[in-house]
N, C-alpha and C. Protein backbone atom coordinates (compact mmCIF):
# COMPACT_ATOMS: atom_id res chain seq x y z
N MET A 1 -47.21 -13.89 153.11
CA MET A 1 -46.61 -12.73 153.77
C MET A 1 -47.99 -12.33 154.50
N VAL A 2 -47.89 -12.45 156.51
CA VAL A 2 -48.77 -11.78 156.92
C VAL A 2 -48.32 -10.78 157.32
N ARG A 3 -49.47 -9.40 158.04
CA ARG A 3 -49.57 -8.32 157.78
C ARG A 3 -49.60 -8.11 159.67
N LEU A 4 -48.78 -7.51 160.72
CA LEU A 4 -50.26 -7.71 161.81
C LEU A 4 -49.01 -6.02 162.72
N ILE A 5 -49.34 -5.53 163.41
CA ILE A 5 -48.88 -4.71 164.84
C ILE A 5 -48.30 -5.07 165.67
N VAL A 6 -47.11 -4.62 166.16
CA VAL A 6 -45.96 -5.90 167.22
C VAL A 6 -45.60 -4.30 168.00
N GLU A 7 -46.23 -3.83 169.13
CA GLU A 7 -45.47 -2.98 169.80
C GLU A 7 -45.82 -1.36 168.95
N GLY A 8 -46.87 -1.54 168.58
CA GLY A 8 -47.07 -0.26 167.32
C GLY A 8 -46.69 -0.10 165.79
N ARG A 9 -45.92 -1.17 165.49
CA ARG A 9 -44.88 -0.98 164.96
C ARG A 9 -45.55 -1.75 163.46
N SER A 10 -45.79 -1.99 162.33
CA SER A 10 -46.32 -2.52 161.09
C SER A 10 -45.30 -3.58 160.90
N ILE A 11 -45.48 -4.68 160.81
CA ILE A 11 -44.36 -6.11 160.42
C ILE A 11 -45.17 -6.84 159.39
N GLU A 12 -44.24 -7.34 158.67
CA GLU A 12 -44.56 -7.82 157.54
C GLU A 12 -43.73 -9.54 157.72
N ALA A 13 -44.16 -10.75 157.84
CA ALA A 13 -43.54 -12.21 158.60
C ALA A 13 -44.46 -13.38 157.25
N PRO A 14 -43.93 -14.65 157.34
CA PRO A 14 -44.38 -15.54 157.07
C PRO A 14 -45.30 -15.95 157.66
N ALA A 15 -46.39 -16.21 156.97
CA ALA A 15 -47.57 -16.74 157.57
C ALA A 15 -47.81 -18.11 158.97
N THR A 16 -46.48 -18.76 158.81
CA THR A 16 -46.08 -19.91 159.34
C THR A 16 -45.08 -19.44 160.99
N SER A 17 -45.13 -17.95 160.82
CA SER A 17 -43.96 -17.22 161.90
C SER A 17 -44.63 -17.78 163.38
N SER A 18 -44.25 -17.81 164.14
CA SER A 18 -44.75 -17.38 165.63
C SER A 18 -44.85 -15.57 165.50
N ILE A 19 -45.02 -15.56 166.61
CA ILE A 19 -45.19 -13.37 167.46
C ILE A 19 -43.35 -13.61 167.30
N LEU A 20 -42.83 -14.43 168.24
CA LEU A 20 -41.97 -14.28 168.70
C LEU A 20 -40.45 -14.19 167.77
N GLN A 21 -41.04 -15.15 166.48
CA GLN A 21 -40.44 -15.12 165.20
C GLN A 21 -40.38 -14.07 164.16
N ALA A 22 -41.60 -13.49 164.12
CA ALA A 22 -41.54 -12.34 163.15
C ALA A 22 -41.32 -11.26 163.89
N PHE A 23 -40.70 -11.20 165.06
CA PHE A 23 -40.44 -10.01 165.86
C PHE A 23 -38.88 -9.72 165.47
N VAL A 24 -38.49 -11.12 165.52
CA VAL A 24 -37.00 -11.08 165.05
C VAL A 24 -36.77 -10.99 163.50
N GLN A 25 -37.54 -11.59 162.76
CA GLN A 25 -37.40 -11.31 160.97
C GLN A 25 -37.81 -9.93 161.60
N ALA A 26 -38.48 -9.01 162.11
CA ALA A 26 -38.63 -7.58 161.22
C ALA A 26 -37.39 -6.77 162.02
N GLY A 27 -36.31 -7.34 162.70
CA GLY A 27 -35.39 -6.55 162.91
C GLY A 27 -35.03 -5.99 163.89
N GLU A 28 -36.20 -6.75 165.15
CA GLU A 28 -36.47 -5.93 166.31
C GLU A 28 -35.46 -6.85 167.76
N THR A 29 -34.97 -6.26 168.98
CA THR A 29 -34.00 -6.54 169.16
C THR A 29 -34.35 -7.35 170.41
N LEU A 30 -34.19 -8.41 170.72
CA LEU A 30 -34.72 -9.57 172.14
C LEU A 30 -34.04 -9.25 173.15
N VAL A 31 -34.69 -8.49 174.28
CA VAL A 31 -33.88 -8.46 175.39
C VAL A 31 -34.43 -9.19 176.36
N ALA A 32 -33.40 -8.75 178.06
CA ALA A 32 -34.44 -9.66 178.78
C ALA A 32 -35.94 -9.34 179.03
N GLY A 33 -36.67 -10.04 179.42
CA GLY A 33 -38.20 -10.03 179.31
C GLY A 33 -38.70 -10.41 178.19
N VAL A 34 -37.90 -10.46 176.79
CA VAL A 34 -39.00 -11.17 175.92
C VAL A 34 -38.55 -11.92 175.08
N GLY A 35 -38.96 -13.10 175.89
CA GLY A 35 -38.65 -14.54 175.74
C GLY A 35 -37.24 -15.24 175.64
N CYS A 36 -37.32 -16.80 175.82
CA CYS A 36 -36.46 -17.19 176.02
C CYS A 36 -35.09 -17.10 175.14
N MET A 37 -34.75 -16.18 173.74
CA MET A 37 -34.36 -16.24 173.11
C MET A 37 -33.09 -15.00 173.25
N GLY A 38 -34.04 -14.89 174.04
CA GLY A 38 -32.87 -13.06 174.20
C GLY A 38 -32.84 -12.75 176.04
N GLN A 39 -31.31 -13.72 176.56
CA GLN A 39 -31.35 -13.42 177.73
C GLN A 39 -32.76 -13.38 178.65
N GLY A 40 -33.56 -14.04 178.41
CA GLY A 40 -34.58 -13.99 179.38
C GLY A 40 -35.32 -15.75 179.72
N VAL A 41 -35.91 -15.84 180.50
CA VAL A 41 -36.44 -17.05 180.50
C VAL A 41 -37.86 -17.59 180.08
N CYS A 42 -37.94 -19.04 180.28
CA CYS A 42 -39.43 -19.42 180.04
C CYS A 42 -40.56 -18.90 180.37
N GLY A 43 -41.96 -18.26 179.58
CA GLY A 43 -42.61 -17.68 180.39
C GLY A 43 -42.68 -16.00 179.92
N SER A 44 -41.54 -16.03 179.67
CA SER A 44 -41.38 -14.07 179.36
C SER A 44 -41.51 -13.13 178.50
N CYS A 45 -42.17 -14.75 177.28
CA CYS A 45 -42.58 -13.53 175.91
C CYS A 45 -43.94 -13.18 176.13
N ARG A 46 -44.72 -13.05 177.15
CA ARG A 46 -46.06 -13.12 177.42
C ARG A 46 -46.81 -11.84 176.31
N VAL A 47 -47.84 -11.58 176.00
CA VAL A 47 -48.06 -10.93 175.02
C VAL A 47 -49.39 -10.85 175.25
N MET A 48 -50.22 -9.52 175.06
CA MET A 48 -51.29 -9.17 174.81
C MET A 48 -51.59 -9.24 173.73
N VAL A 49 -52.64 -10.03 173.19
CA VAL A 49 -53.12 -9.83 171.58
C VAL A 49 -54.73 -9.52 171.11
N ARG A 50 -54.45 -9.10 170.00
CA ARG A 50 -56.18 -8.88 169.97
C ARG A 50 -56.16 -8.89 168.37
N ARG A 51 -57.05 -10.19 167.93
CA ARG A 51 -57.28 -10.38 166.53
C ARG A 51 -58.42 -9.46 166.03
N ALA A 52 -58.07 -9.78 164.67
CA ALA A 52 -58.77 -8.82 163.50
C ALA A 52 -59.93 -9.07 163.61
N GLY A 53 -61.25 -8.13 163.58
CA GLY A 53 -62.34 -8.01 163.96
C GLY A 53 -62.85 -8.38 164.94
N LEU A 54 -62.35 -8.63 165.99
CA LEU A 54 -62.22 -8.61 167.50
C LEU A 54 -62.26 -8.02 168.73
N GLN A 55 -63.42 -7.47 169.54
CA GLN A 55 -62.42 -6.82 170.97
C GLN A 55 -61.90 -7.27 171.88
N GLU A 56 -61.96 -8.85 172.06
CA GLU A 56 -61.89 -9.39 173.31
C GLU A 56 -60.38 -8.88 172.89
N VAL A 57 -59.63 -9.44 174.16
CA VAL A 57 -57.81 -9.20 174.09
C VAL A 57 -57.12 -10.09 175.03
N LYS A 58 -56.41 -10.85 174.60
CA LYS A 58 -55.99 -12.70 175.15
C LYS A 58 -54.62 -12.26 175.78
N THR A 59 -54.17 -12.97 176.62
CA THR A 59 -53.15 -13.23 177.07
C THR A 59 -52.03 -14.54 176.49
N GLU A 60 -51.74 -14.58 175.89
CA GLU A 60 -50.81 -15.06 175.01
C GLU A 60 -49.44 -15.22 175.45
N LEU A 61 -48.86 -16.28 174.88
CA LEU A 61 -46.89 -16.48 174.65
C LEU A 61 -46.78 -16.48 173.12
N ALA A 62 -46.00 -15.52 173.03
CA ALA A 62 -45.27 -15.36 171.96
C ALA A 62 -44.31 -16.15 170.92
N CYS A 63 -44.00 -17.10 171.89
CA CYS A 63 -42.82 -18.16 171.19
C CYS A 63 -44.23 -19.06 170.69
N GLU A 64 -45.08 -19.96 170.83
CA GLU A 64 -45.90 -20.99 170.92
C GLU A 64 -47.51 -19.97 170.14
N THR A 65 -47.47 -18.39 169.66
CA THR A 65 -48.87 -18.11 169.25
C THR A 65 -48.60 -17.57 167.41
N VAL A 66 -49.02 -18.88 166.66
CA VAL A 66 -48.67 -18.24 165.28
C VAL A 66 -49.26 -16.92 164.85
N ILE A 67 -49.20 -16.11 164.16
CA ILE A 67 -49.27 -14.88 163.78
C ILE A 67 -50.31 -14.62 162.72
N GLU A 68 -51.27 -14.08 162.72
CA GLU A 68 -52.31 -13.76 161.87
C GLU A 68 -52.80 -12.63 160.91
N GLU A 69 -53.28 -12.80 159.98
CA GLU A 69 -53.27 -11.25 159.45
C GLU A 69 -53.87 -10.27 160.35
N GLY A 70 -53.57 -8.98 160.63
CA GLY A 70 -54.13 -8.06 161.14
C GLY A 70 -54.46 -8.04 163.35
N MET A 71 -53.50 -8.80 163.25
CA MET A 71 -53.08 -9.06 164.95
C MET A 71 -52.93 -7.90 164.97
N GLN A 72 -52.86 -7.66 166.47
CA GLN A 72 -52.11 -6.59 167.23
C GLN A 72 -51.48 -7.38 168.72
N VAL A 73 -50.21 -6.81 169.04
CA VAL A 73 -49.84 -7.22 169.57
C VAL A 73 -48.98 -6.55 170.65
N SER A 74 -48.77 -6.51 171.74
CA SER A 74 -48.27 -6.11 172.76
C SER A 74 -47.65 -6.49 173.95
N PHE A 75 -46.01 -6.58 173.97
CA PHE A 75 -45.56 -7.82 175.32
C PHE A 75 -45.82 -7.02 176.69
N ILE A 76 -46.22 -7.52 177.22
CA ILE A 76 -46.09 -7.30 178.97
C ILE A 76 -45.27 -7.13 179.72
N ASP A 77 -44.46 -6.51 180.19
CA ASP A 77 -43.44 -6.41 181.19
C ASP A 77 -43.67 -6.81 182.37
N TYR A 78 -42.46 -7.24 182.62
CA TYR A 78 -42.27 -8.50 183.79
C TYR A 78 -42.70 -7.12 185.07
N LEU A 79 -43.27 -7.89 185.85
CA LEU A 79 -44.05 -7.09 187.38
C LEU A 79 -43.11 -7.99 188.43
N THR A 80 -42.47 -7.39 189.06
CA THR A 80 -41.88 -8.03 190.40
C THR A 80 -43.06 -8.23 191.47
N PRO A 81 -43.74 -9.55 192.22
CA PRO A 81 -44.53 -9.58 192.93
C PRO A 81 -43.99 -8.79 193.85
N SER A 82 -45.17 -8.40 194.55
CA SER A 82 -45.64 -7.84 196.02
C SER A 82 -44.89 -8.44 196.78
N THR A 83 -45.33 -9.97 197.06
CA THR A 83 -44.36 -10.61 198.09
C THR A 83 -44.00 -11.66 197.48
N ARG A 84 -43.26 -12.10 198.95
CA ARG A 84 -41.75 -12.95 198.40
C ARG A 84 -42.10 -14.18 199.09
N HIS A 85 -42.04 -15.50 198.88
CA HIS A 85 -42.70 -16.34 199.60
C HIS A 85 -41.31 -17.21 199.62
N VAL A 86 -40.68 -17.23 200.68
CA VAL A 86 -38.94 -17.95 201.50
C VAL A 86 -39.56 -18.99 201.75
N TYR A 87 -38.64 -20.39 201.47
CA TYR A 87 -38.98 -20.93 202.16
C TYR A 87 -37.58 -22.20 201.89
N ARG A 88 -37.39 -23.21 202.54
CA ARG A 88 -36.19 -24.33 202.38
C ARG A 88 -36.79 -25.89 202.55
N ILE A 89 -36.93 -26.34 201.11
CA ILE A 89 -37.54 -27.59 201.05
C ILE A 89 -37.67 -28.46 201.37
N GLU A 90 -36.28 -28.20 202.21
CA GLU A 90 -35.11 -28.88 203.05
C GLU A 90 -35.06 -29.14 204.25
N ASP A 91 -36.20 -28.04 204.67
CA ASP A 91 -36.82 -28.23 206.12
C ASP A 91 -37.76 -28.83 206.80
N ILE A 92 -38.51 -29.05 204.96
CA ILE A 92 -39.99 -30.23 205.37
C ILE A 92 -39.21 -31.75 205.06
N ALA A 93 -39.57 -31.65 206.62
CA ALA A 93 -38.87 -33.56 206.70
C ALA A 93 -39.94 -34.50 205.70
N ASP A 94 -41.09 -34.73 206.13
CA ASP A 94 -42.10 -35.47 205.52
C ASP A 94 -43.07 -34.95 205.49
N SER A 95 -44.25 -35.89 204.70
CA SER A 95 -45.34 -35.38 203.58
C SER A 95 -46.50 -35.05 204.61
N TRP A 96 -46.30 -35.37 206.18
CA TRP A 96 -47.63 -35.13 207.14
C TRP A 96 -47.19 -33.38 207.25
N GLN A 97 -45.88 -32.98 207.13
CA GLN A 97 -45.72 -31.44 207.23
C GLN A 97 -45.82 -30.47 206.40
N ALA A 98 -45.80 -31.22 204.87
CA ALA A 98 -46.40 -30.31 204.04
C ALA A 98 -47.67 -30.06 203.26
N PRO A 99 -49.19 -30.33 203.89
CA PRO A 99 -49.87 -29.52 204.09
C PRO A 99 -50.42 -27.98 204.70
N ARG A 100 -49.47 -28.66 206.10
CA ARG A 100 -49.45 -26.95 207.00
C ARG A 100 -48.40 -26.25 206.58
N LYS A 101 -47.48 -26.24 205.80
CA LYS A 101 -46.46 -25.39 205.80
C LYS A 101 -47.01 -25.07 204.51
N LEU A 102 -47.38 -25.04 203.28
CA LEU A 102 -48.07 -24.32 202.35
C LEU A 102 -49.17 -23.52 202.51
N LEU A 103 -50.05 -23.78 203.78
CA LEU A 103 -50.68 -22.87 204.32
C LEU A 103 -49.54 -21.65 204.99
N GLU A 104 -48.55 -22.12 205.65
CA GLU A 104 -47.97 -21.22 206.06
C GLU A 104 -47.53 -20.26 205.41
N PHE A 105 -46.64 -20.65 204.29
CA PHE A 105 -46.08 -20.10 203.08
C PHE A 105 -46.72 -19.45 202.36
N PHE A 106 -47.95 -19.44 201.90
CA PHE A 106 -49.29 -19.45 201.06
C PHE A 106 -50.73 -18.60 201.98
N PRO A 107 -51.04 -17.97 202.95
CA PRO A 107 -51.43 -18.10 203.97
C PRO A 107 -53.01 -17.12 203.19
N GLU A 108 -52.68 -16.65 202.25
CA GLU A 108 -54.06 -16.16 200.65
C GLU A 108 -54.57 -17.08 199.99
N ALA A 109 -53.92 -18.28 200.09
CA ALA A 109 -54.67 -19.55 199.20
C ALA A 109 -55.86 -20.11 199.75
N PRO A 110 -56.20 -20.11 201.29
CA PRO A 110 -57.29 -20.19 201.00
C PRO A 110 -59.03 -19.26 200.80
N HIS A 111 -58.20 -17.75 200.39
CA HIS A 111 -59.33 -17.23 200.08
C HIS A 111 -59.72 -16.87 198.71
N CYS A 112 -59.11 -17.68 197.65
CA CYS A 112 -59.76 -18.10 196.84
C CYS A 112 -61.22 -17.90 196.68
N ARG A 113 -61.16 -16.45 195.53
CA ARG A 113 -62.54 -16.03 195.31
C ARG A 113 -63.65 -17.27 193.88
N HIS A 114 -62.54 -17.53 193.48
CA HIS A 114 -63.35 -18.49 192.58
C HIS A 114 -64.13 -17.81 191.60
N CYS A 115 -62.97 -16.68 191.30
CA CYS A 115 -63.72 -15.74 190.03
C CYS A 115 -62.99 -16.44 188.84
N GLY A 116 -62.42 -17.24 188.38
CA GLY A 116 -61.74 -17.59 187.53
C GLY A 116 -60.89 -16.84 186.55
N GLY A 117 -59.61 -15.54 187.17
CA GLY A 117 -59.57 -15.12 186.38
C GLY A 117 -57.70 -15.36 186.28
N CYS A 118 -57.50 -16.40 186.97
CA CYS A 118 -55.93 -16.87 186.89
C CYS A 118 -56.25 -18.43 185.80
N ASP A 119 -57.67 -18.98 185.66
CA ASP A 119 -57.75 -19.31 184.14
C ASP A 119 -57.78 -18.77 182.97
N ARG A 120 -58.56 -17.81 182.98
CA ARG A 120 -58.71 -16.90 181.76
C ARG A 120 -57.04 -16.38 181.11
N ALA A 121 -56.42 -16.41 182.38
CA ALA A 121 -55.28 -15.53 182.21
C ALA A 121 -54.15 -16.61 181.44
N CYS A 122 -54.64 -17.75 181.96
CA CYS A 122 -53.22 -18.55 181.73
C CYS A 122 -52.91 -19.30 180.79
N PRO A 123 -51.75 -18.59 179.67
CA PRO A 123 -51.68 -18.91 178.30
C PRO A 123 -51.08 -20.34 177.71
N LYS A 124 -51.05 -20.91 178.50
CA LYS A 124 -50.77 -22.52 178.65
C LYS A 124 -52.37 -23.40 178.77
N GLY A 125 -53.66 -22.28 178.94
CA GLY A 125 -54.55 -23.50 179.58
C GLY A 125 -54.64 -24.13 180.97
N LEU A 126 -53.83 -23.84 181.56
CA LEU A 126 -54.00 -24.87 182.82
C LEU A 126 -55.03 -24.36 183.81
N GLU A 127 -56.00 -25.43 184.24
CA GLU A 127 -56.83 -24.97 185.30
C GLU A 127 -56.48 -24.59 186.77
N VAL A 128 -55.85 -23.42 186.56
CA VAL A 128 -55.05 -22.99 188.05
C VAL A 128 -55.78 -23.05 189.44
N GLN A 129 -56.99 -22.54 189.13
CA GLN A 129 -58.22 -22.12 190.15
C GLN A 129 -57.95 -23.32 190.90
N ARG A 130 -58.11 -24.37 189.94
CA ARG A 130 -58.54 -26.36 190.17
C ARG A 130 -57.05 -26.46 191.03
N GLY A 131 -56.23 -25.93 190.28
CA GLY A 131 -54.62 -26.43 191.04
C GLY A 131 -54.42 -25.93 192.51
N VAL A 132 -54.83 -24.60 192.68
CA VAL A 132 -54.52 -23.53 193.88
C VAL A 132 -55.94 -24.68 195.11
N ASN A 133 -57.12 -24.92 194.65
CA ASN A 133 -57.99 -25.31 195.76
C ASN A 133 -57.49 -26.58 196.07
N LEU A 134 -57.07 -27.65 194.97
CA LEU A 134 -56.12 -28.99 195.56
C LEU A 134 -55.71 -28.45 196.72
N ALA A 135 -54.61 -27.76 196.25
CA ALA A 135 -53.33 -27.19 197.25
C ALA A 135 -53.73 -27.33 198.44
N VAL A 136 -54.52 -26.62 198.71
CA VAL A 136 -55.27 -26.13 200.25
C VAL A 136 -55.99 -27.33 200.95
N ASP A 137 -56.46 -28.17 199.94
CA ASP A 137 -57.24 -29.46 200.42
C ASP A 137 -56.41 -30.38 200.75
N GLY A 138 -54.44 -30.31 200.31
CA GLY A 138 -53.84 -31.29 200.91
C GLY A 138 -53.71 -32.14 200.00
N GLU A 139 -54.32 -32.31 198.36
CA GLU A 139 -54.17 -33.21 197.22
C GLU A 139 -52.78 -32.56 196.51
N LEU A 140 -51.73 -32.87 197.16
CA LEU A 140 -50.76 -32.17 196.62
C LEU A 140 -50.04 -32.86 195.29
N THR A 141 -49.73 -34.17 195.30
CA THR A 141 -49.94 -34.58 194.21
C THR A 141 -50.91 -34.07 192.93
N ALA A 142 -52.14 -34.01 193.00
CA ALA A 142 -52.94 -34.01 191.96
C ALA A 142 -52.80 -32.21 191.69
N SER A 143 -52.36 -31.81 193.07
CA SER A 143 -51.56 -30.05 192.20
C SER A 143 -50.65 -30.02 191.72
N GLY A 144 -50.12 -30.52 192.02
CA GLY A 144 -48.46 -30.41 191.46
C GLY A 144 -49.30 -31.16 189.37
N GLN A 145 -49.77 -32.27 189.21
CA GLN A 145 -49.66 -32.44 187.77
C GLN A 145 -50.76 -31.40 187.53
N VAL A 146 -51.86 -30.37 187.66
CA VAL A 146 -51.90 -29.29 187.39
C VAL A 146 -51.18 -28.23 186.82
N PHE A 147 -50.46 -27.91 187.90
CA PHE A 147 -49.00 -27.39 187.58
C PHE A 147 -48.05 -27.62 186.55
N ASP A 148 -47.63 -29.07 186.09
CA ASP A 148 -47.16 -29.56 185.51
C ASP A 148 -46.41 -28.53 184.09
N GLU A 149 -46.99 -28.01 183.86
CA GLU A 149 -46.68 -27.25 182.23
C GLU A 149 -46.79 -25.53 182.33
N CYS A 150 -46.48 -25.45 184.02
CA CYS A 150 -46.65 -23.54 184.45
C CYS A 150 -45.37 -23.73 183.73
N VAL A 151 -45.49 -22.46 183.40
CA VAL A 151 -43.82 -21.42 182.80
C VAL A 151 -43.66 -20.34 183.80
N MET A 152 -44.04 -20.27 184.06
CA MET A 152 -43.74 -19.08 185.59
C MET A 152 -44.16 -17.90 184.99
N CYS A 153 -45.60 -17.56 183.62
CA CYS A 153 -45.46 -15.92 183.48
C CYS A 153 -45.60 -15.16 184.01
N ASN A 154 -46.19 -15.36 185.41
CA ASN A 154 -47.16 -14.57 186.34
C ASN A 154 -48.32 -13.84 185.72
N LEU A 155 -48.70 -14.60 184.80
CA LEU A 155 -49.76 -13.76 184.87
C LEU A 155 -51.30 -14.50 185.14
N CYS A 156 -50.99 -14.69 186.25
CA CYS A 156 -52.29 -15.72 186.55
C CYS A 156 -52.25 -14.70 188.28
N THR A 157 -51.25 -14.78 188.84
CA THR A 157 -50.74 -13.62 189.99
C THR A 157 -50.96 -12.62 189.76
N LEU A 158 -50.63 -11.80 188.69
CA LEU A 158 -51.57 -10.39 188.67
C LEU A 158 -52.73 -10.53 187.95
N ALA A 159 -53.65 -11.21 187.89
CA ALA A 159 -54.53 -11.60 187.95
C ALA A 159 -55.75 -11.85 189.09
N CYS A 160 -54.98 -12.45 190.11
CA CYS A 160 -55.40 -13.03 191.49
C CYS A 160 -55.83 -11.54 192.31
N PRO A 161 -57.54 -11.42 192.60
CA PRO A 161 -57.58 -10.05 193.15
C PRO A 161 -56.76 -10.56 194.84
N GLU A 162 -56.65 -11.87 194.96
CA GLU A 162 -56.48 -12.26 196.24
C GLU A 162 -54.77 -11.96 196.53
N ASN A 163 -54.06 -12.06 195.86
CA ASN A 163 -52.61 -12.08 195.76
C ASN A 163 -52.14 -13.54 196.27
N ILE A 164 -52.91 -14.46 195.43
CA ILE A 164 -52.34 -15.48 196.08
C ILE A 164 -51.72 -15.97 195.31
N ASP A 165 -50.56 -15.62 194.46
CA ASP A 165 -49.23 -16.12 193.71
C ASP A 165 -49.52 -17.06 193.10
N PRO A 166 -50.67 -17.91 192.46
CA PRO A 166 -50.87 -19.28 192.08
C PRO A 166 -49.82 -20.03 191.52
N ASN A 167 -48.90 -19.59 190.51
CA ASN A 167 -47.37 -20.28 189.99
C ASN A 167 -46.68 -19.87 190.82
N HIS A 168 -46.46 -19.68 191.44
CA HIS A 168 -45.75 -19.93 192.57
C HIS A 168 -45.72 -20.71 193.93
N LEU A 169 -47.30 -20.82 194.16
CA LEU A 169 -47.70 -22.35 194.90
C LEU A 169 -47.30 -23.32 194.03
N GLY A 170 -47.82 -23.29 192.70
CA GLY A 170 -47.71 -24.28 191.97
C GLY A 170 -46.30 -24.82 192.20
N LEU A 171 -45.14 -23.87 192.00
CA LEU A 171 -44.36 -24.45 191.76
C LEU A 171 -43.65 -25.03 193.28
N PHE A 172 -44.56 -24.50 194.31
CA PHE A 172 -43.52 -25.19 195.80
C PHE A 172 -44.53 -26.18 195.49
N VAL A 173 -45.73 -26.51 195.35
CA VAL A 173 -46.15 -28.48 195.15
C VAL A 173 -45.41 -28.67 194.29
N ARG A 174 -45.12 -28.55 193.06
CA ARG A 174 -43.92 -29.21 192.21
C ARG A 174 -42.75 -29.83 193.37
N ARG A 175 -41.80 -28.80 193.68
CA ARG A 175 -40.82 -29.12 194.51
C ARG A 175 -40.84 -29.76 195.54
N ILE A 176 -41.69 -29.91 196.23
CA ILE A 176 -42.54 -30.70 197.67
C ILE A 176 -42.49 -31.25 197.29
N VAL A 177 -43.81 -32.08 196.26
CA VAL A 177 -43.84 -33.68 196.04
C VAL A 177 -42.38 -34.21 195.46
N ALA A 178 -41.53 -33.64 194.76
CA ALA A 178 -40.73 -33.98 193.70
C ALA A 178 -39.29 -34.27 194.96
N SER A 179 -39.60 -33.52 196.11
CA SER A 179 -38.41 -33.38 197.23
C SER A 179 -38.83 -35.25 198.20
N LEU A 180 -40.25 -35.17 198.20
CA LEU A 180 -40.68 -36.01 198.85
C LEU A 180 -41.13 -37.46 198.66
N SER A 181 -40.81 -37.29 197.14
CA SER A 181 -41.21 -38.62 196.45
C SER A 181 -40.09 -39.30 195.11
N LEU A 182 -40.40 -39.62 194.42
CA LEU A 182 -39.50 -40.14 192.97
C LEU A 182 -39.20 -38.60 192.27
N ARG A 183 -37.71 -38.37 192.04
CA ARG A 183 -37.48 -37.30 191.10
C ARG A 183 -38.23 -37.49 189.86
N PRO A 184 -38.78 -36.17 189.13
CA PRO A 184 -38.62 -36.86 187.72
C PRO A 184 -37.86 -37.73 187.03
N ALA A 185 -38.42 -38.29 186.16
CA ALA A 185 -37.25 -38.78 184.85
C ALA A 185 -36.18 -38.20 184.46
N ASP A 186 -36.88 -37.01 183.79
CA ASP A 186 -36.37 -36.05 182.83
C ASP A 186 -35.48 -35.26 183.20
N LEU A 187 -35.85 -34.74 184.83
CA LEU A 187 -34.90 -34.33 185.92
C LEU A 187 -33.87 -34.76 185.07
N MET A 188 -33.61 -36.01 186.38
CA MET A 188 -32.83 -36.69 186.65
C MET A 188 -31.97 -37.24 184.89
N ARG A 189 -32.45 -36.86 184.29
CA ARG A 189 -31.15 -37.50 182.86
C ARG A 189 -30.96 -36.14 182.69
N ARG A 190 -31.59 -34.90 183.10
CA ARG A 190 -31.00 -33.70 182.82
C ARG A 190 -29.64 -33.47 183.44
N LEU A 191 -29.56 -34.09 184.83
CA LEU A 191 -28.38 -33.83 186.22
C LEU A 191 -27.70 -34.45 185.55
N GLU A 192 -27.89 -36.08 185.14
CA GLU A 192 -26.60 -36.90 184.85
C GLU A 192 -25.70 -35.94 183.82
N GLN A 193 -26.85 -35.53 182.36
CA GLN A 193 -26.21 -34.69 180.87
C GLN A 193 -25.33 -33.88 181.69
N ILE A 194 -25.58 -32.97 182.51
CA ILE A 194 -24.44 -31.97 183.12
C ILE A 194 -23.42 -32.48 183.90
N GLU A 195 -23.84 -33.62 184.90
CA GLU A 195 -23.27 -33.63 185.35
C GLU A 195 -21.37 -35.00 184.73
N ARG A 196 -22.15 -35.56 183.33
CA ARG A 196 -20.87 -36.03 182.47
C ARG A 196 -20.69 -34.69 181.91
N GLY A 197 -21.27 -33.59 181.82
CA GLY A 197 -20.79 -32.99 180.47
C GLY A 197 -21.20 -33.03 179.26
N ASP A 198 -22.03 -33.46 178.88
CA ASP A 198 -22.88 -33.78 177.55
C ASP A 198 -23.41 -32.24 177.29
N MET A 199 -23.60 -31.78 178.64
CA MET A 199 -24.37 -30.19 178.43
C MET A 199 -23.98 -29.19 179.46
N ALA A 200 -23.10 -28.37 178.09
CA ALA A 200 -22.40 -27.94 179.03
C ALA A 200 -22.83 -26.35 179.63
N ILE A 201 -23.07 -25.87 180.21
CA ILE A 201 -23.72 -24.33 181.24
C ILE A 201 -22.36 -22.91 181.30
N ASP A 202 -22.93 -22.13 180.16
CA ASP A 202 -22.23 -20.96 180.11
C ASP A 202 -22.85 -20.02 181.52
N PHE A 203 -22.40 -20.04 181.88
CA PHE A 203 -22.77 -19.07 183.15
C PHE A 203 -21.87 -17.45 183.11
N ASP A 204 -21.20 -17.31 181.87
CA ASP A 204 -20.58 -16.46 181.80
C ASP A 204 -21.48 -15.23 180.40
N ALA A 205 -22.38 -16.54 180.13
CA ALA A 205 -23.22 -15.77 179.07
C ALA A 205 -24.10 -14.53 179.09
N PRO A 206 -24.56 -13.73 178.60
CA PRO A 206 -25.07 -12.56 178.55
C PRO A 206 -26.49 -12.67 179.13
N GLY A 207 -26.11 -11.89 180.59
CA GLY A 207 -28.06 -12.52 181.26
C GLY A 207 -27.82 -13.50 181.50
N ALA A 208 -27.25 -13.91 181.89
CA ALA A 208 -26.65 -15.66 182.96
C ALA A 208 -26.86 -15.64 184.29
N GLN A 209 -26.58 -14.34 184.57
CA GLN A 209 -26.32 -14.32 186.15
C GLN A 209 -27.73 -12.78 186.40
N PRO A 210 -28.32 -13.62 187.67
CA PRO A 210 -29.82 -12.64 187.73
C PRO A 210 -28.93 -11.62 188.32
N THR A 211 -29.45 -9.86 188.18
CA THR A 211 -29.49 -8.85 188.29
C THR A 211 -30.08 -8.69 189.92
N PRO A 212 -28.46 -8.30 190.84
CA PRO A 212 -28.26 -8.23 192.33
C PRO A 212 -29.52 -7.30 192.46
């Protein structure tokens, strides 16, 4: 058993547990914004972690971070971005328009300071800054590959002094690349499963409908 502190409360859980599993085993209630297991979405279980004997605080995901003795953990509340990037993928007819439209929807992107704050904040270890720079240079396919494992936790957006919203830029790039080229095989398989009825979607489940 390992003892750690989560949200100021000392809890104990098996050494192989993730932070999220330890949180559940301690009898805590999972709510919206605390992981996909509790009416949230992937990327919402972002936490700040300080390990025993270290001063450094790191941002990680509670679902994939294994607990350690003496670890201190605090969940990060969801913060709504100050700006919204509104666009319609279907209005972009061809790849010639895509780089220009990206700069139109994300005018802050060329102002990257190359500070590396987004890279340090990313719990998936993505080269976020590189992905942004590739997108600005028009290398959309390469940029989309950088953001391929992004879970939209918004930590890079919170860390960016230029308010670039790197993860939302990355999502736009992934969408436009898929729209103007061959769709990802895993996406096509999942859509086929839904159409065949192999995967049921319960739209009445708690938290399934976004709050107006």
